[in-house]
Every structure is written in C-alpha cells, then in structure tokens.
Amino acid sequence: MKFQMSFGVINLLSDHLAEVIIDEGVIMSLEMCEEYDEFLLNMFDRPFGLLINKLNNYSYTFEAKLHIASLEFLKVMAVVHYNSEAQAQTQSVLDQRRQDNWHLKQFCGLQLGREQALQWLETEMSNIHDQNQSANSLDYG
C-alpha cells in the first residue's frame, strides 16, 4: 500500500517493512519527521525495518538530522542511493548520529541495490524475529 505524505511517499511492503521515498527538493524539517514517526507508529506495533530509497535529491534541517530514525521499534535500515552526493549525505547523517549505532547498510541503486536491500532487510528482520522468539522462550522456560 502506498501512502502520500507531505514530504513524499511511504510504501508498506509487508507487516514489518516500509519503503520511504522523499520528494525532489524537499528539506526535511522536524515537523515532517514527526509526521513520518506518527505514521510509522500507527502502522507498526512491533520491530520493523525501513528501505530508504533515495531516488530524489533532498536534505535535512539540523534538527531533523538529530531526530530521524529514533523510534524504538525501528531495528534495521537499508539506504539505496543512486549517486555519490546521496551516499555522502547519508554518511554525513551517520557520522552525526554515530552514538546511536544504527543497524544500517547502504546499497548502490545502479547495481540492483533495491533488490539487494530488500533481501538484506528480510534476512535481518528474520534474525531479529528469531532473537526475540529465543528471548521470549527463555522468559517462560
């Protein structure tokens, strides 16, 4: 399912994965990040992953950089970039948020990156699910 937001589109890919595509030229503000968070909180009530598909050029305000990807249930992210500028922008945010230890991997969209990213996300989410199952069985064991 596809949902239009003020900043772009969120595609629900499964009950534990969403794809985000920000519109061309958007400057992601704190308010847009809050809209984004509210939507994801309404869609996911357990661990989930995001595919950030950087098809377009956009940027973040300083406050937005400090806020993005802070949701408790957000466990894994894949970023698909299509040029060196998008890759550098992602690296800049990663450097700024290094202390958060995001579980994130970057993929080149020009080399079937979206498909590789989806496969990686599914594998990582499966591992997270298995870890949660093991932890739950230990709680009751």
Foldseek 3Di string as FASTA:
>chain_A
DWDQDPFGIWADPDLAEIETEGDAAEAAEPVSQVVVVVVVVVRHPAAHEYEYEDPHDYHYDPVCLVPHPPDPRHQEYEYEDADVVVVVRVVVSCVVPVVVVHRYDYAYVVVVRVVVRVVVRVVVVVVVVVVVVVVVVVVVD
